[in-house]
Amino acid sequence: MQKNVQKNVQKKAINTSAAPAAVGPYVQGVRTGNLIFVSGQIPLDPKTGVLVTGGVEEQTRRVMSNLAAILEAGGSGIDRVVKATVYLTDLGSFEEMNRAYGSFFPGDKPARVCVEVSRLPRNALVEIDAIGTVDAADD
């Protein structure tokens, strides 16, 4: 019979002005152990809080830049992403999203899920969340 052992799990909220402020009761990211979990990002300009204009390719670039800023603020980087989830309002725009998304991962690619959803906050065309790694010594 195993004893229930509670471990003291430390978590640290990640917030940066280089990415849009959260639009609800959540933080931009959370770091725990050697992982950073980045909340879903929509294509908001971090300076104005306004949805960027253009199609899914332009919106994906903004989302990826927002993700990169949060990852960097947490001691990680876009090159340290191990898993991402992409939400599209139209899977017909998959190729356009893939073009922009892929340009952020010239080397090793992370695991990924891509799903179609009926609607996203602020009528965005794309939202992406991510999990990245952090060196344990980067506390």
N, C-alpha and C. Protein backbone atom coordinates (compact mmCIF):
# COMPACT_ATOMS: atom_id res chain seq x y z
N MET A 1 0.84 -1.19 0.00
CA MET A 1 0.00 0.00 0.00
C MET A 1 0.88 1.25 0.00
N GLN A 2 0.60 2.14 -0.93
CA GLN A 2 1.39 3.37 -1.03
C GLN A 2 0.82 4.45 -0.12
N LYS A 3 1.71 5.18 0.48
CA LYS A 3 1.27 6.33 1.28
C LYS A 3 1.08 7.52 0.37
N ASN A 4 0.10 8.32 0.68
CA ASN A 4 -0.08 9.57 -0.06
C ASN A 4 0.94 10.58 0.44
N VAL A 5 1.82 10.94 -0.44
CA VAL A 5 2.86 11.90 -0.09
C VAL A 5 2.59 13.18 -0.88
N GLN A 6 2.37 14.23 -0.15
CA GLN A 6 2.14 15.51 -0.82
C GLN A 6 3.46 16.22 -1.00
N LYS A 7 3.74 16.59 -2.23
CA LYS A 7 4.95 17.33 -2.50
C LYS A 7 4.60 18.80 -2.59
N ASN A 8 5.52 19.61 -2.19
CA ASN A 8 5.32 21.05 -2.27
C ASN A 8 5.64 21.50 -3.69
N VAL A 9 4.62 21.66 -4.50
CA VAL A 9 4.80 22.05 -5.89
C VAL A 9 4.79 23.58 -5.96
N GLN A 10 5.88 24.11 -6.42
CA GLN A 10 6.00 25.56 -6.56
C GLN A 10 5.50 25.97 -7.93
N LYS A 11 4.76 27.06 -7.98
CA LYS A 11 4.37 27.62 -9.27
C LYS A 11 4.54 29.12 -9.22
N LYS A 12 4.90 29.65 -10.38
CA LYS A 12 5.17 31.09 -10.48
C LYS A 12 4.41 31.64 -11.68
N ALA A 13 3.65 32.69 -11.45
CA ALA A 13 2.92 33.35 -12.54
C ALA A 13 3.91 34.10 -13.42
N ILE A 14 3.69 34.05 -14.73
CA ILE A 14 4.51 34.77 -15.69
C ILE A 14 3.65 35.86 -16.32
N ASN A 15 4.11 37.07 -16.24
CA ASN A 15 3.42 38.21 -16.85
C ASN A 15 4.46 39.12 -17.48
N THR A 16 4.14 39.63 -18.66
CA THR A 16 5.04 40.56 -19.34
C THR A 16 4.23 41.57 -20.14
N SER A 17 4.72 42.79 -20.20
CA SER A 17 4.06 43.82 -21.02
C SER A 17 4.36 43.63 -22.50
N ALA A 18 5.27 42.70 -22.84
CA ALA A 18 5.60 42.43 -24.24
C ALA A 18 4.55 41.56 -24.91
N ALA A 19 3.55 41.12 -24.15
CA ALA A 19 2.43 40.35 -24.69
C ALA A 19 1.14 40.97 -24.13
N PRO A 20 0.01 40.71 -24.79
CA PRO A 20 -1.24 41.30 -24.31
C PRO A 20 -1.59 40.84 -22.89
N ALA A 21 -2.17 41.74 -22.13
CA ALA A 21 -2.64 41.39 -20.79
C ALA A 21 -3.76 40.35 -20.92
N ALA A 22 -3.89 39.53 -19.90
CA ALA A 22 -4.95 38.53 -19.89
C ALA A 22 -6.31 39.23 -19.96
N VAL A 23 -7.24 38.65 -20.70
CA VAL A 23 -8.57 39.26 -20.86
C VAL A 23 -9.60 38.57 -19.96
N GLY A 24 -9.13 37.90 -18.94
CA GLY A 24 -10.00 37.20 -18.00
C GLY A 24 -9.24 36.86 -16.74
N PRO A 25 -9.83 36.03 -15.89
CA PRO A 25 -9.20 35.67 -14.61
C PRO A 25 -8.15 34.57 -14.75
N TYR A 26 -7.07 34.89 -15.42
CA TYR A 26 -5.96 33.95 -15.62
C TYR A 26 -4.70 34.77 -15.85
N VAL A 27 -3.56 34.08 -15.86
CA VAL A 27 -2.27 34.74 -16.11
C VAL A 27 -1.77 34.34 -17.49
N GLN A 28 -0.81 35.08 -18.00
CA GLN A 28 -0.24 34.77 -19.31
C GLN A 28 0.43 33.42 -19.33
N GLY A 29 1.08 33.07 -18.24
CA GLY A 29 1.76 31.79 -18.17
C GLY A 29 2.02 31.39 -16.73
N VAL A 30 2.31 30.12 -16.55
CA VAL A 30 2.66 29.60 -15.23
C VAL A 30 3.87 28.69 -15.39
N ARG A 31 4.85 28.93 -14.52
CA ARG A 31 6.03 28.08 -14.52
C ARG A 31 5.99 27.20 -13.28
N THR A 32 6.21 25.92 -13.49
CA THR A 32 6.32 24.97 -12.39
C THR A 32 7.38 23.95 -12.76
N GLY A 33 8.33 23.76 -11.86
CA GLY A 33 9.44 22.86 -12.16
C GLY A 33 10.18 23.33 -13.40
N ASN A 34 10.41 22.40 -14.33
CA ASN A 34 11.13 22.78 -15.56
C ASN A 34 10.18 22.96 -16.74
N LEU A 35 8.91 23.29 -16.44
CA LEU A 35 7.93 23.54 -17.49
C LEU A 35 7.30 24.91 -17.35
N ILE A 36 6.93 25.48 -18.48
CA ILE A 36 6.14 26.71 -18.49
C ILE A 36 4.92 26.46 -19.36
N PHE A 37 3.77 26.76 -18.81
CA PHE A 37 2.48 26.58 -19.49
C PHE A 37 1.99 27.97 -19.89
N VAL A 38 1.86 28.20 -21.19
CA VAL A 38 1.43 29.51 -21.67
C VAL A 38 -0.05 29.44 -22.03
N SER A 39 -0.82 30.35 -21.45
CA SER A 39 -2.25 30.42 -21.74
C SER A 39 -2.48 30.70 -23.22
N GLY A 40 -3.64 30.30 -23.70
CA GLY A 40 -3.99 30.54 -25.09
C GLY A 40 -3.86 32.02 -25.44
N GLN A 41 -3.20 32.27 -26.56
CA GLN A 41 -3.00 33.64 -27.03
C GLN A 41 -3.81 33.86 -28.30
N ILE A 42 -4.48 35.00 -28.33
CA ILE A 42 -5.16 35.43 -29.55
C ILE A 42 -4.36 36.59 -30.12
N PRO A 43 -4.61 36.98 -31.37
CA PRO A 43 -3.75 37.97 -32.03
C PRO A 43 -4.02 39.42 -31.62
N LEU A 44 -3.78 39.70 -30.34
CA LEU A 44 -3.90 41.07 -29.87
C LEU A 44 -2.55 41.75 -29.89
N ASP A 45 -2.54 43.00 -30.32
CA ASP A 45 -1.33 43.80 -30.27
C ASP A 45 -1.06 44.11 -28.79
N PRO A 46 0.13 43.81 -28.28
CA PRO A 46 0.38 44.03 -26.85
C PRO A 46 0.36 45.49 -26.42
N LYS A 47 0.62 46.39 -27.35
CA LYS A 47 0.63 47.82 -27.01
C LYS A 47 -0.77 48.42 -26.97
N THR A 48 -1.64 47.96 -27.87
CA THR A 48 -2.98 48.57 -27.96
C THR A 48 -4.09 47.67 -27.43
N GLY A 49 -3.84 46.38 -27.35
CA GLY A 49 -4.89 45.45 -26.93
C GLY A 49 -5.92 45.20 -28.01
N VAL A 50 -5.62 45.65 -29.23
CA VAL A 50 -6.55 45.53 -30.36
C VAL A 50 -6.17 44.32 -31.21
N LEU A 51 -7.19 43.64 -31.71
CA LEU A 51 -6.97 42.50 -32.62
C LEU A 51 -6.27 42.99 -33.88
N VAL A 52 -5.21 42.29 -34.30
CA VAL A 52 -4.50 42.70 -35.51
C VAL A 52 -5.37 42.47 -36.74
N THR A 53 -5.15 43.27 -37.74
CA THR A 53 -5.91 43.13 -38.98
C THR A 53 -5.24 42.09 -39.87
N GLY A 54 -5.97 41.62 -40.83
CA GLY A 54 -5.42 40.64 -41.76
C GLY A 54 -6.06 39.28 -41.57
N GLY A 55 -5.56 38.33 -42.34
CA GLY A 55 -6.10 36.98 -42.31
C GLY A 55 -5.41 36.11 -41.28
N VAL A 56 -5.62 34.82 -41.41
CA VAL A 56 -5.11 33.87 -40.42
C VAL A 56 -3.58 33.84 -40.39
N GLU A 57 -2.92 34.10 -41.51
CA GLU A 57 -1.46 34.11 -41.52
C GLU A 57 -0.92 35.25 -40.66
N GLU A 58 -1.45 36.45 -40.86
CA GLU A 58 -1.02 37.60 -40.06
C GLU A 58 -1.36 37.39 -38.59
N GLN A 59 -2.56 36.86 -38.34
CA GLN A 59 -2.97 36.63 -36.95
C GLN A 59 -2.09 35.58 -36.28
N THR A 60 -1.73 34.54 -37.01
CA THR A 60 -0.87 33.49 -36.44
C THR A 60 0.50 34.06 -36.09
N ARG A 61 1.05 34.93 -36.94
CA ARG A 61 2.35 35.54 -36.63
C ARG A 61 2.28 36.35 -35.34
N ARG A 62 1.20 37.10 -35.16
CA ARG A 62 1.04 37.90 -33.93
C ARG A 62 0.91 36.98 -32.71
N VAL A 63 0.12 35.92 -32.84
CA VAL A 63 -0.04 34.96 -31.75
C VAL A 63 1.30 34.35 -31.37
N MET A 64 2.07 33.93 -32.37
CA MET A 64 3.36 33.30 -32.10
C MET A 64 4.33 34.29 -31.46
N SER A 65 4.30 35.54 -31.87
CA SER A 65 5.14 36.56 -31.24
C SER A 65 4.73 36.77 -29.78
N ASN A 66 3.44 36.75 -29.51
CA ASN A 66 2.95 36.88 -28.14
C ASN A 66 3.41 35.70 -27.30
N LEU A 67 3.28 34.48 -27.84
CA LEU A 67 3.74 33.28 -27.13
C LEU A 67 5.24 33.37 -26.83
N ALA A 68 6.02 33.79 -27.82
CA ALA A 68 7.47 33.90 -27.65
C ALA A 68 7.81 34.87 -26.53
N ALA A 69 7.11 35.99 -26.45
CA ALA A 69 7.38 37.00 -25.42
C ALA A 69 7.11 36.43 -24.02
N ILE A 70 6.05 35.68 -23.88
CA ILE A 70 5.71 35.10 -22.58
C ILE A 70 6.71 34.01 -22.21
N LEU A 71 7.05 33.17 -23.17
CA LEU A 71 8.04 32.12 -22.92
C LEU A 71 9.37 32.74 -22.48
N GLU A 72 9.81 33.79 -23.16
CA GLU A 72 11.07 34.45 -22.81
C GLU A 72 10.99 35.07 -21.42
N ALA A 73 9.85 35.67 -21.09
CA ALA A 73 9.68 36.26 -19.75
C ALA A 73 9.76 35.18 -18.67
N GLY A 74 9.41 33.96 -19.01
CA GLY A 74 9.46 32.86 -18.06
C GLY A 74 10.76 32.08 -18.07
N GLY A 75 11.76 32.55 -18.84
CA GLY A 75 13.05 31.88 -18.87
C GLY A 75 13.15 30.77 -19.91
N SER A 76 12.24 30.76 -20.86
CA SER A 76 12.23 29.75 -21.91
C SER A 76 12.37 30.45 -23.25
N GLY A 77 11.83 29.87 -24.29
CA GLY A 77 11.86 30.47 -25.61
C GLY A 77 11.04 29.64 -26.56
N ILE A 78 10.73 30.20 -27.71
CA ILE A 78 9.90 29.50 -28.69
C ILE A 78 10.58 28.20 -29.14
N ASP A 79 11.91 28.18 -29.12
CA ASP A 79 12.65 26.97 -29.50
C ASP A 79 12.58 25.87 -28.44
N ARG A 80 12.00 26.17 -27.29
CA ARG A 80 11.89 25.21 -26.19
C ARG A 80 10.46 24.68 -26.04
N VAL A 81 9.59 25.01 -26.99
CA VAL A 81 8.21 24.52 -26.95
C VAL A 81 8.20 23.02 -27.25
N VAL A 82 7.51 22.27 -26.39
CA VAL A 82 7.40 20.83 -26.60
C VAL A 82 6.00 20.40 -27.03
N LYS A 83 5.01 21.28 -26.81
CA LYS A 83 3.62 20.94 -27.17
C LYS A 83 2.85 22.23 -27.40
N ALA A 84 2.05 22.25 -28.44
CA ALA A 84 1.18 23.40 -28.73
C ALA A 84 -0.19 22.89 -29.13
N THR A 85 -1.19 23.69 -28.85
CA THR A 85 -2.55 23.42 -29.32
C THR A 85 -3.01 24.63 -30.11
N VAL A 86 -3.47 24.39 -31.32
CA VAL A 86 -3.94 25.45 -32.22
C VAL A 86 -5.45 25.33 -32.36
N TYR A 87 -6.14 26.44 -32.18
CA TYR A 87 -7.59 26.50 -32.35
C TYR A 87 -7.86 27.41 -33.54
N LEU A 88 -8.53 26.89 -34.55
CA LEU A 88 -8.89 27.66 -35.74
C LEU A 88 -10.41 27.73 -35.86
N THR A 89 -10.91 28.85 -36.32
CA THR A 89 -12.36 28.94 -36.55
C THR A 89 -12.74 28.35 -37.90
N ASP A 90 -11.74 28.04 -38.74
CA ASP A 90 -12.01 27.43 -40.05
C ASP A 90 -10.80 26.58 -40.44
N LEU A 91 -10.96 25.27 -40.44
CA LEU A 91 -9.85 24.40 -40.84
C LEU A 91 -9.46 24.59 -42.30
N GLY A 92 -10.29 25.29 -43.06
CA GLY A 92 -9.94 25.63 -44.43
C GLY A 92 -8.74 26.57 -44.49
N SER A 93 -8.42 27.21 -43.36
CA SER A 93 -7.26 28.12 -43.30
C SER A 93 -6.03 27.43 -42.71
N PHE A 94 -6.07 26.10 -42.64
CA PHE A 94 -4.98 25.31 -42.05
C PHE A 94 -3.63 25.60 -42.72
N GLU A 95 -3.59 25.63 -44.06
CA GLU A 95 -2.32 25.85 -44.77
C GLU A 95 -1.73 27.22 -44.46
N GLU A 96 -2.58 28.26 -44.42
CA GLU A 96 -2.09 29.61 -44.11
C GLU A 96 -1.53 29.66 -42.69
N MET A 97 -2.25 29.06 -41.74
CA MET A 97 -1.78 29.02 -40.36
C MET A 97 -0.45 28.26 -40.29
N ASN A 98 -0.39 27.11 -40.96
CA ASN A 98 0.80 26.26 -40.93
C ASN A 98 2.03 26.99 -41.46
N ARG A 99 1.85 27.79 -42.51
CA ARG A 99 2.96 28.56 -43.08
C ARG A 99 3.56 29.50 -42.03
N ALA A 100 2.70 30.26 -41.39
CA ALA A 100 3.17 31.22 -40.39
C ALA A 100 3.72 30.50 -39.16
N TYR A 101 3.00 29.51 -38.68
CA TYR A 101 3.40 28.75 -37.49
C TYR A 101 4.75 28.09 -37.72
N GLY A 102 4.91 27.42 -38.85
CA GLY A 102 6.15 26.70 -39.16
C GLY A 102 7.37 27.60 -39.24
N SER A 103 7.17 28.86 -39.62
CA SER A 103 8.31 29.78 -39.73
C SER A 103 8.94 30.08 -38.36
N PHE A 104 8.22 29.82 -37.28
CA PHE A 104 8.76 30.04 -35.94
C PHE A 104 9.53 28.83 -35.42
N PHE A 105 9.49 27.71 -36.15
CA PHE A 105 10.16 26.48 -35.74
C PHE A 105 11.04 25.95 -36.87
N PRO A 106 12.14 26.64 -37.19
CA PRO A 106 12.99 26.17 -38.29
C PRO A 106 13.72 24.87 -37.97
N GLY A 107 13.92 24.59 -36.69
CA GLY A 107 14.61 23.36 -36.28
C GLY A 107 13.60 22.30 -35.86
N ASP A 108 13.83 21.75 -34.68
CA ASP A 108 12.93 20.73 -34.15
C ASP A 108 11.54 21.31 -33.93
N LYS A 109 10.55 20.56 -34.33
CA LYS A 109 9.15 20.98 -34.17
C LYS A 109 8.57 20.36 -32.91
N PRO A 110 7.65 21.07 -32.26
CA PRO A 110 6.99 20.50 -31.08
C PRO A 110 5.84 19.59 -31.49
N ALA A 111 5.36 18.79 -30.54
CA ALA A 111 4.11 18.06 -30.76
C ALA A 111 3.00 19.10 -30.88
N ARG A 112 1.92 18.75 -31.60
CA ARG A 112 0.87 19.76 -31.81
C ARG A 112 -0.47 19.09 -32.04
N VAL A 113 -1.50 19.79 -31.64
CA VAL A 113 -2.88 19.44 -31.95
C VAL A 113 -3.48 20.66 -32.63
N CYS A 114 -4.31 20.44 -33.63
CA CYS A 114 -5.01 21.55 -34.29
C CYS A 114 -6.48 21.16 -34.42
N VAL A 115 -7.36 21.99 -33.90
CA VAL A 115 -8.79 21.71 -33.95
C VAL A 115 -9.55 22.93 -34.45
N GLU A 116 -10.71 22.65 -35.01
CA GLU A 116 -11.62 23.73 -35.42
C GLU A 116 -12.61 23.97 -34.29
N VAL A 117 -12.84 25.24 -34.01
CA VAL A 117 -13.81 25.65 -32.98
C VAL A 117 -14.82 26.60 -33.60
N SER A 118 -15.97 26.73 -32.97
CA SER A 118 -17.01 27.57 -33.57
C SER A 118 -16.72 29.05 -33.44
N ARG A 119 -16.03 29.45 -32.36
CA ARG A 119 -15.76 30.88 -32.17
C ARG A 119 -14.64 31.04 -31.16
N LEU A 120 -13.89 32.14 -31.29
CA LEU A 120 -12.82 32.47 -30.36
C LEU A 120 -13.05 33.86 -29.77
N PRO A 121 -12.44 34.17 -28.63
CA PRO A 121 -12.59 35.50 -28.05
C PRO A 121 -12.27 36.60 -29.05
N ARG A 122 -13.02 37.67 -28.98
CA ARG A 122 -12.86 38.85 -29.83
C ARG A 122 -12.94 38.52 -31.32
N ASN A 123 -13.58 37.39 -31.64
CA ASN A 123 -13.74 36.94 -33.03
C ASN A 123 -12.41 36.72 -33.75
N ALA A 124 -11.40 36.34 -32.98
CA ALA A 124 -10.10 35.99 -33.58
C ALA A 124 -10.28 34.78 -34.48
N LEU A 125 -9.38 34.62 -35.43
CA LEU A 125 -9.39 33.47 -36.34
C LEU A 125 -8.56 32.31 -35.81
N VAL A 126 -7.62 32.62 -34.87
CA VAL A 126 -6.70 31.60 -34.36
C VAL A 126 -6.36 31.90 -32.90
N GLU A 127 -6.17 30.85 -32.15
CA GLU A 127 -5.66 30.93 -30.77
C GLU A 127 -4.70 29.76 -30.60
N ILE A 128 -3.61 30.00 -29.89
CA ILE A 128 -2.61 28.95 -29.66
C ILE A 128 -2.15 29.01 -28.21
N ASP A 129 -2.06 27.84 -27.58
CA ASP A 129 -1.41 27.74 -26.27
C ASP A 129 -0.19 26.86 -26.42
N ALA A 130 0.69 26.88 -25.42
CA ALA A 130 1.93 26.13 -25.55
C ALA A 130 2.49 25.71 -24.20
N ILE A 131 3.30 24.66 -24.24
CA ILE A 131 4.06 24.20 -23.09
C ILE A 131 5.52 24.20 -23.52
N GLY A 132 6.36 24.84 -22.72
CA GLY A 132 7.79 24.90 -23.02
C GLY A 132 8.61 24.41 -21.85
N THR A 133 9.87 24.14 -22.09
CA THR A 133 10.77 23.71 -21.04
C THR A 133 11.64 24.88 -20.56
N VAL A 134 12.10 24.74 -19.32
CA VAL A 134 12.97 25.72 -18.69
C VAL A 134 14.05 24.95 -17.97
N ASP A 135 15.27 25.44 -18.01
CA ASP A 135 16.34 24.80 -17.26
C ASP A 135 16.06 24.94 -15.78
N ALA A 136 16.27 23.89 -15.01
CA ALA A 136 16.03 23.92 -13.58
C ALA A 136 16.87 24.99 -12.89
N ALA A 137 18.04 25.28 -13.40
CA ALA A 137 18.92 26.29 -12.81
C ALA A 137 18.45 27.71 -13.08
N ASP A 138 17.41 27.88 -13.92
CA ASP A 138 16.93 29.22 -14.27
C ASP A 138 15.92 29.78 -13.27
N ASP A 139 15.96 29.33 -12.03
CA ASP A 139 14.98 29.81 -11.03
C ASP A 139 15.25 31.20 -10.70
